[in-house]
Amino acid sequence: MPVLLIFLLVPIIEIALFVTVGDNIGLLATLLIVVVTAIFGSTLLRSQGTAILFQLKQSAMTGNDITQPILHGVLIFAAGLLLLTPGFLTDTVGFALLVPYIRYALIQWGIDSLATRMATQTWFPNRSSDDDVIEGQARDVSSPPFSRSD
């Protein structure tokens, strides 16, 4: 349900922002801002993506943990997708994801959230004592019930 809500709300917010900004500064200026942010964002994306690939290569060559560079790479990729999507909200979130401190905070929050979920996860559902008894019949199937020696 939350994903559906995001897919419904984001376009509505973007349209509202386009109309509001377009009303205040004009259509051409609004379109120019969208194009400039896409170009600027793709330039930042390329430089940060290259830096993360270098960090990943260094971590792999030295035998260090490659989880952090991979997670940063995923967030930078998400930032690139958001920056290439026309809109002010998506551009804002995309630029935010290009800030290393914000990426570190998101990654740490995700790790903490996952650790909390795993620590509090109920692995077996609560069952009543009546559910512990299963009645049935058994038969030995280790040897065939008949032989084909005819």
C-alpha atoms as a PDB file:
ATOM      1  CA  MET A   1       0.000   0.000   0.000  1.00  0.00           C
ATOM      2  CA  PRO A   2       2.768   2.559   0.772  1.00  0.00           C
ATOM      3  CA  VAL A   3       4.297   2.061  -2.693  1.00  0.00           C
ATOM      4  CA  LEU A   4       0.934   2.693  -4.338  1.00  0.00           C
ATOM      5  CA  LEU A   5       0.536   5.809  -2.213  1.00  0.00           C
ATOM      6  CA  ILE A   6       3.952   7.065  -3.348  1.00  0.00           C
ATOM      7  CA  PHE A   7       3.089   6.454  -7.000  1.00  0.00           C
ATOM      8  CA  LEU A   8      -0.114   8.421  -6.543  1.00  0.00           C
ATOM      9  CA  LEU A   9       1.180  11.282  -4.409  1.00  0.00           C
ATOM     10  CA  VAL A  10       4.489  12.075  -6.120  1.00  0.00           C
ATOM     11  CA  PRO A  11       2.972  12.985  -9.519  1.00  0.00           C
ATOM     12  CA  ILE A  12       0.273  15.065  -7.839  1.00  0.00           C
ATOM     13  CA  ILE A  13       2.874  16.962  -5.803  1.00  0.00           C
ATOM     14  CA  GLU A  14       5.074  17.434  -8.875  1.00  0.00           C
ATOM     15  CA  ILE A  15       2.181  18.833 -10.914  1.00  0.00           C
ATOM     16  CA  ALA A  16       1.263  21.199  -8.087  1.00  0.00           C
ATOM     17  CA  LEU A  17       4.870  22.374  -7.837  1.00  0.00           C
ATOM     18  CA  PHE A  18       5.141  22.874 -11.609  1.00  0.00           C
ATOM     19  CA  VAL A  19       1.978  24.964 -11.632  1.00  0.00           C
ATOM     20  CA  THR A  20       3.054  27.027  -8.616  1.00  0.00           C
ATOM     21  CA  VAL A  21       6.597  27.665  -9.845  1.00  0.00           C
ATOM     22  CA  GLY A  22       5.382  28.284 -13.382  1.00  0.00           C
ATOM     23  CA  ASP A  23       2.875  30.830 -12.085  1.00  0.00           C
ATOM     24  CA  ASN A  24       5.583  32.654 -10.150  1.00  0.00           C
ATOM     25  CA  ILE A  25       8.505  32.679 -12.589  1.00  0.00           C
ATOM     26  CA  GLY A  26       6.969  31.719 -15.934  1.00  0.00           C
ATOM     27  CA  LEU A  27       6.911  28.667 -18.138  1.00  0.00           C
ATOM     28  CA  LEU A  28      10.287  29.096 -19.874  1.00  0.00           C
ATOM     29  CA  ALA A  29      12.157  29.732 -16.622  1.00  0.00           C
ATOM     30  CA  THR A  30      10.487  26.697 -15.037  1.00  0.00           C
ATOM     31  CA  LEU A  31      11.472  24.467 -17.958  1.00  0.00           C
ATOM     32  CA  LEU A  32      14.995  25.897 -17.928  1.00  0.00           C
ATOM     33  CA  ILE A  33      15.353  25.047 -14.236  1.00  0.00           C
ATOM     34  CA  VAL A  34      14.248  21.475 -14.901  1.00  0.00           C
ATOM     35  CA  VAL A  35      16.742  21.051 -17.760  1.00  0.00           C
ATOM     36  CA  VAL A  36      19.629  22.686 -15.860  1.00  0.00           C
ATOM     37  CA  THR A  37      19.053  20.546 -12.766  1.00  0.00           C
ATOM     38  CA  ALA A  38      19.007  17.413 -14.934  1.00  0.00           C
ATOM     39  CA  ILE A  39      22.323  18.372 -16.559  1.00  0.00           C
ATOM     40  CA  PHE A  40      23.911  19.432 -13.272  1.00  0.00           C
ATOM     41  CA  GLY A  41      22.610  16.314 -11.537  1.00  0.00           C
ATOM     42  CA  SER A  42      23.923  13.983 -14.215  1.00  0.00           C
ATOM     43  CA  THR A  43      27.356  15.634 -13.952  1.00  0.00           C
ATOM     44  CA  LEU A  44      27.377  15.159 -10.176  1.00  0.00           C
ATOM     45  CA  LEU A  45      26.094  11.639 -10.609  1.00  0.00           C
ATOM     46  CA  ARG A  46      28.915  10.741 -12.967  1.00  0.00           C
ATOM     47  CA  SER A  47      31.640  12.121 -10.690  1.00  0.00           C
ATOM     48  CA  GLN A  48      30.247  10.544  -7.517  1.00  0.00           C
ATOM     49  CA  GLY A  49      29.502   7.279  -9.281  1.00  0.00           C
ATOM     50  CA  THR A  50      33.090   7.112 -10.505  1.00  0.00           C
ATOM     51  CA  ALA A  51      34.377   7.827  -6.995  1.00  0.00           C
ATOM     52  CA  ILE A  52      32.198   5.080  -5.518  1.00  0.00           C
ATOM     53  CA  LEU A  53      33.355   2.594  -8.167  1.00  0.00           C
ATOM     54  CA  PHE A  54      36.952   3.463  -7.261  1.00  0.00           C
ATOM     55  CA  GLN A  55      36.177   2.922  -3.540  1.00  0.00           C
ATOM     56  CA  LEU A  56      34.513  -0.388  -4.350  1.00  0.00           C
ATOM     57  CA  LYS A  57      37.531  -1.513  -6.357  1.00  0.00           C
ATOM     58  CA  GLN A  58      39.913  -0.459  -3.569  1.00  0.00           C
ATOM     59  CA  SER A  59      37.839  -2.249  -0.928  1.00  0.00           C
ATOM     60  CA  ALA A  60      37.705  -5.422  -3.014  1.00  0.00           C
ATOM     61  CA  MET A  61      41.442  -5.357  -3.742  1.00  0.00           C
ATOM     62  CA  THR A  62      42.388  -4.843  -0.090  1.00  0.00           C
ATOM     63  CA  GLY A  63      39.910  -7.413   1.173  1.00  0.00           C
ATOM     64  CA  ASN A  64      37.836  -4.863   3.076  1.00  0.00           C
ATOM     65  CA  ASP A  65      34.076  -4.939   3.424  1.00  0.00           C
ATOM     66  CA  ILE A  66      32.428  -3.866   0.158  1.00  0.00           C
ATOM     67  CA  THR A  67      28.962  -3.386   1.656  1.00  0.00           C
ATOM     68  CA  GLN A  68      29.274   0.367   2.234  1.00  0.00           C
ATOM     69  CA  PRO A  69      30.455   1.233  -1.299  1.00  0.00           C
ATOM     70  CA  ILE A  70      27.725  -0.968  -2.786  1.00  0.00           C
ATOM     71  CA  LEU A  71      25.019   0.684  -0.675  1.00  0.00           C
ATOM     72  CA  HIS A  72      26.352   4.134  -1.578  1.00  0.00           C
ATOM     73  CA  GLY A  73      26.322   3.086  -5.222  1.00  0.00           C
ATOM     74  CA  VAL A  74      22.695   1.987  -4.981  1.00  0.00           C
ATOM     75  CA  LEU A  75      21.716   5.321  -3.428  1.00  0.00           C
ATOM     76  CA  ILE A  76      23.674   7.253  -6.059  1.00  0.00           C
ATOM     77  CA  PHE A  77      21.911   5.248  -8.762  1.00  0.00           C
ATOM     78  CA  ALA A  78      18.559   6.114  -7.148  1.00  0.00           C
ATOM     79  CA  ALA A  79      19.637   9.766  -7.073  1.00  0.00           C
ATOM     80  CA  GLY A  80      20.400   9.593 -10.781  1.00  0.00           C
ATOM     81  CA  LEU A  81      16.989   8.169 -11.559  1.00  0.00           C
ATOM     82  CA  LEU A  82      15.329  10.880  -9.494  1.00  0.00           C
ATOM     83  CA  LEU A  83      17.394  13.651 -11.105  1.00  0.00           C
ATOM     84  CA  LEU A  84      16.541  12.466 -14.598  1.00  0.00           C
ATOM     85  CA  THR A  85      12.838  12.428 -13.707  1.00  0.00           C
ATOM     86  CA  PRO A  86      11.444  15.889 -14.396  1.00  0.00           C
ATOM     87  CA  GLY A  87      10.163  17.577 -11.275  1.00  0.00           C
ATOM     88  CA  PHE A  88      11.123  19.693  -8.323  1.00  0.00           C
ATOM     89  CA  LEU A  89      10.393  17.162  -5.578  1.00  0.00           C
ATOM     90  CA  THR A  90      12.309  14.372  -7.315  1.00  0.00           C
ATOM     91  CA  ASP A  91      15.209  16.756  -8.015  1.00  0.00           C
ATOM     92  CA  THR A  92      15.322  17.784  -4.358  1.00  0.00           C
ATOM     93  CA  VAL A  93      15.385  14.182  -3.143  1.00  0.00           C
ATOM     94  CA  GLY A  94      17.907  13.267  -5.855  1.00  0.00           C
ATOM     95  CA  PHE A  95      20.278  16.084  -4.894  1.00  0.00           C
ATOM     96  CA  ALA A  96      19.869  15.132  -1.229  1.00  0.00           C
ATOM     97  CA  LEU A  97      20.965  11.580  -2.039  1.00  0.00           C
ATOM     98  CA  LEU A  98      24.138  12.951  -3.635  1.00  0.00           C
ATOM     99  CA  VAL A  99      25.205  14.420  -0.277  1.00  0.00           C
ATOM    100  CA  PRO A 100      27.495  11.816   1.323  1.00  0.00           C
ATOM    101  CA  TYR A 101      26.405  12.648   4.891  1.00  0.00           C
ATOM    102  CA  ILE A 102      22.761  12.016   4.004  1.00  0.00           C
ATOM    103  CA  ARG A 103      23.680   8.719   2.353  1.00  0.00           C
ATOM    104  CA  TYR A 104      25.635   7.639   5.456  1.00  0.00           C
ATOM    105  CA  ALA A 105      22.662   8.560   7.656  1.00  0.00           C
ATOM    106  CA  LEU A 106      20.206   6.649   5.435  1.00  0.00           C
ATOM    107  CA  ILE A 107      22.441   3.593   5.307  1.00  0.00           C
ATOM    108  CA  GLN A 108      22.905   3.630   9.091  1.00  0.00           C
ATOM    109  CA  TRP A 109      19.161   4.062   9.613  1.00  0.00           C
ATOM    110  CA  GLY A 110      18.490   1.136   7.274  1.00  0.00           C
ATOM    111  CA  ILE A 111      21.005  -1.087   9.048  1.00  0.00           C
ATOM    112  CA  ASP A 112      19.618  -0.154  12.480  1.00  0.00           C
ATOM    113  CA  SER A 113      16.055  -0.725  11.297  1.00  0.00           C
ATOM    114  CA  LEU A 114      16.946  -4.116   9.844  1.00  0.00           C
ATOM    115  CA  ALA A 115      18.794  -5.121  13.027  1.00  0.00           C
ATOM    116  CA  THR A 116      15.801  -4.125  15.144  1.00  0.00           C
ATOM    117  CA  ARG A 117      13.412  -6.076  12.938  1.00  0.00           C
ATOM    118  CA  MET A 118      15.626  -9.141  13.052  1.00  0.00           C
ATOM    119  CA  ALA A 119      16.016  -8.921  16.837  1.00  0.00           C
ATOM    120  CA  THR A 120      12.271  -8.647  17.427  1.00  0.00           C
ATOM    121  CA  GLN A 121      11.169 -11.032  14.684  1.00  0.00           C
ATOM    122  CA  THR A 122       8.886 -13.821  15.793  1.00  0.00           C
ATOM    123  CA  TRP A 123      10.244 -16.831  13.992  1.00  0.00           C
ATOM    124  CA  PHE A 124       7.444 -19.190  15.002  1.00  0.00           C
ATOM    125  CA  PRO A 125       3.843 -18.115  15.354  1.00  0.00           C
ATOM    126  CA  ASN A 126       2.248 -18.511  18.755  1.00  0.00           C
ATOM    127  CA  ARG A 127       0.311 -21.751  18.812  1.00  0.00           C
ATOM    128  CA  SER A 128      -2.018 -23.231  21.364  1.00  0.00           C
ATOM    129  CA  SER A 129      -1.226 -26.576  22.968  1.00  0.00           C
ATOM    130  CA  ASP A 130      -3.909 -28.246  20.830  1.00  0.00           C
ATOM    131  CA  ASP A 131      -1.883 -27.464  17.715  1.00  0.00           C
ATOM    132  CA  ASP A 132       1.114 -29.452  18.963  1.00  0.00           C
ATOM    133  CA  VAL A 133      -0.550 -32.853  18.464  1.00  0.00           C
ATOM    134  CA  ILE A 134      -0.818 -34.180  14.938  1.00  0.00           C
ATOM    135  CA  GLU A 135      -2.596 -37.462  14.525  1.00  0.00           C
ATOM    136  CA  GLY A 136      -1.897 -39.767  11.637  1.00  0.00           C
ATOM    137  CA  GLN A 137      -0.759 -43.182  10.484  1.00  0.00           C
ATOM    138  CA  ALA A 138       2.655 -44.330   9.373  1.00  0.00           C
ATOM    139  CA  ARG A 139       3.878 -47.166   7.252  1.00  0.00           C
ATOM    140  CA  ASP A 140       7.347 -48.418   6.444  1.00  0.00           C
ATOM    141  CA  VAL A 141       8.271 -47.537   2.865  1.00  0.00           C
ATOM    142  CA  SER A 142      11.908 -48.586   3.022  1.00  0.00           C
ATOM    143  CA  SER A 143      11.170 -51.837   1.150  1.00  0.00           C
ATOM    144  CA  PRO A 144       8.645 -52.179  -1.667  1.00  0.00           C
ATOM    145  CA  PRO A 145       5.316 -53.772  -0.677  1.00  0.00           C
ATOM    146  CA  PHE A 146       5.713 -56.374  -3.432  1.00  0.00           C
ATOM    147  CA  SER A 147       8.579 -57.682  -5.491  1.00  0.00           C
ATOM    148  CA  ARG A 148       8.815 -58.303  -9.238  1.00  0.00           C
ATOM    149  CA  SER A 149      10.394 -61.713  -9.195  1.00  0.00           C
ATOM    150  CA  ASP A 150       7.722 -63.372 -11.376  1.00  0.00           C
END
